[in-house]
């Protein structure tokens, strides 16, 4: 029940924040939205910043769950890598368009109200786990003789940062079809490099 109430309060906070912006969102607004007292809300969340932090943790956890699900699926390494790169770009771009107010809420208000150190920690954890997921796909491809690379750590980081440029505010600043086409071209270029066996000069 406590978990359910926390989720109800958090969802109300997100919805009001989308409509009014965080600067204009108060605990009284949330109280009216969910029909409980302000005092009860404070039993679950210390303040507005605590609500924002909880929202961020949930956001990054959902993203990490998506990557974990990809790795558990019985797909080949190329499909895994495609899902971790192009598919994630497609999903974020589509989500941002279908939920523009929520995307704006996240990229503008939420970041402004988040402790910078906490935000950096969240992003570093997200990057690390996504890079690890890419490494797993690369390792499977290497084991099956499909991918060739010198250093799996460097290769995984290069892939991550190449596709990171399609995320964030970029996902809503350009046409969806244009972003997807560029991501597809990037993946084709990437795959050609990985599938070409060569002798390292190092």
Foldseek 3Di string as FASTA:
>chain_A
DLVVVLVLLLVQQLVVCLVPNPVPDALVSSCVVVVHDSVVVCVNAVGPQRSLLVVLVVVLVVVLVQLVVLLPDPDALLVNLCCLFLVVLLVQLVCCVVCVSSLCNVQPRSVVSYDPVSVVVSVVVSLVSSLVSNLVSLVRCVVVLQFDDDDSSVLSNVRSVVRCVSDRPVSHPDDSVVSSVVSVVVSVVSSVNGRDDDDDPD
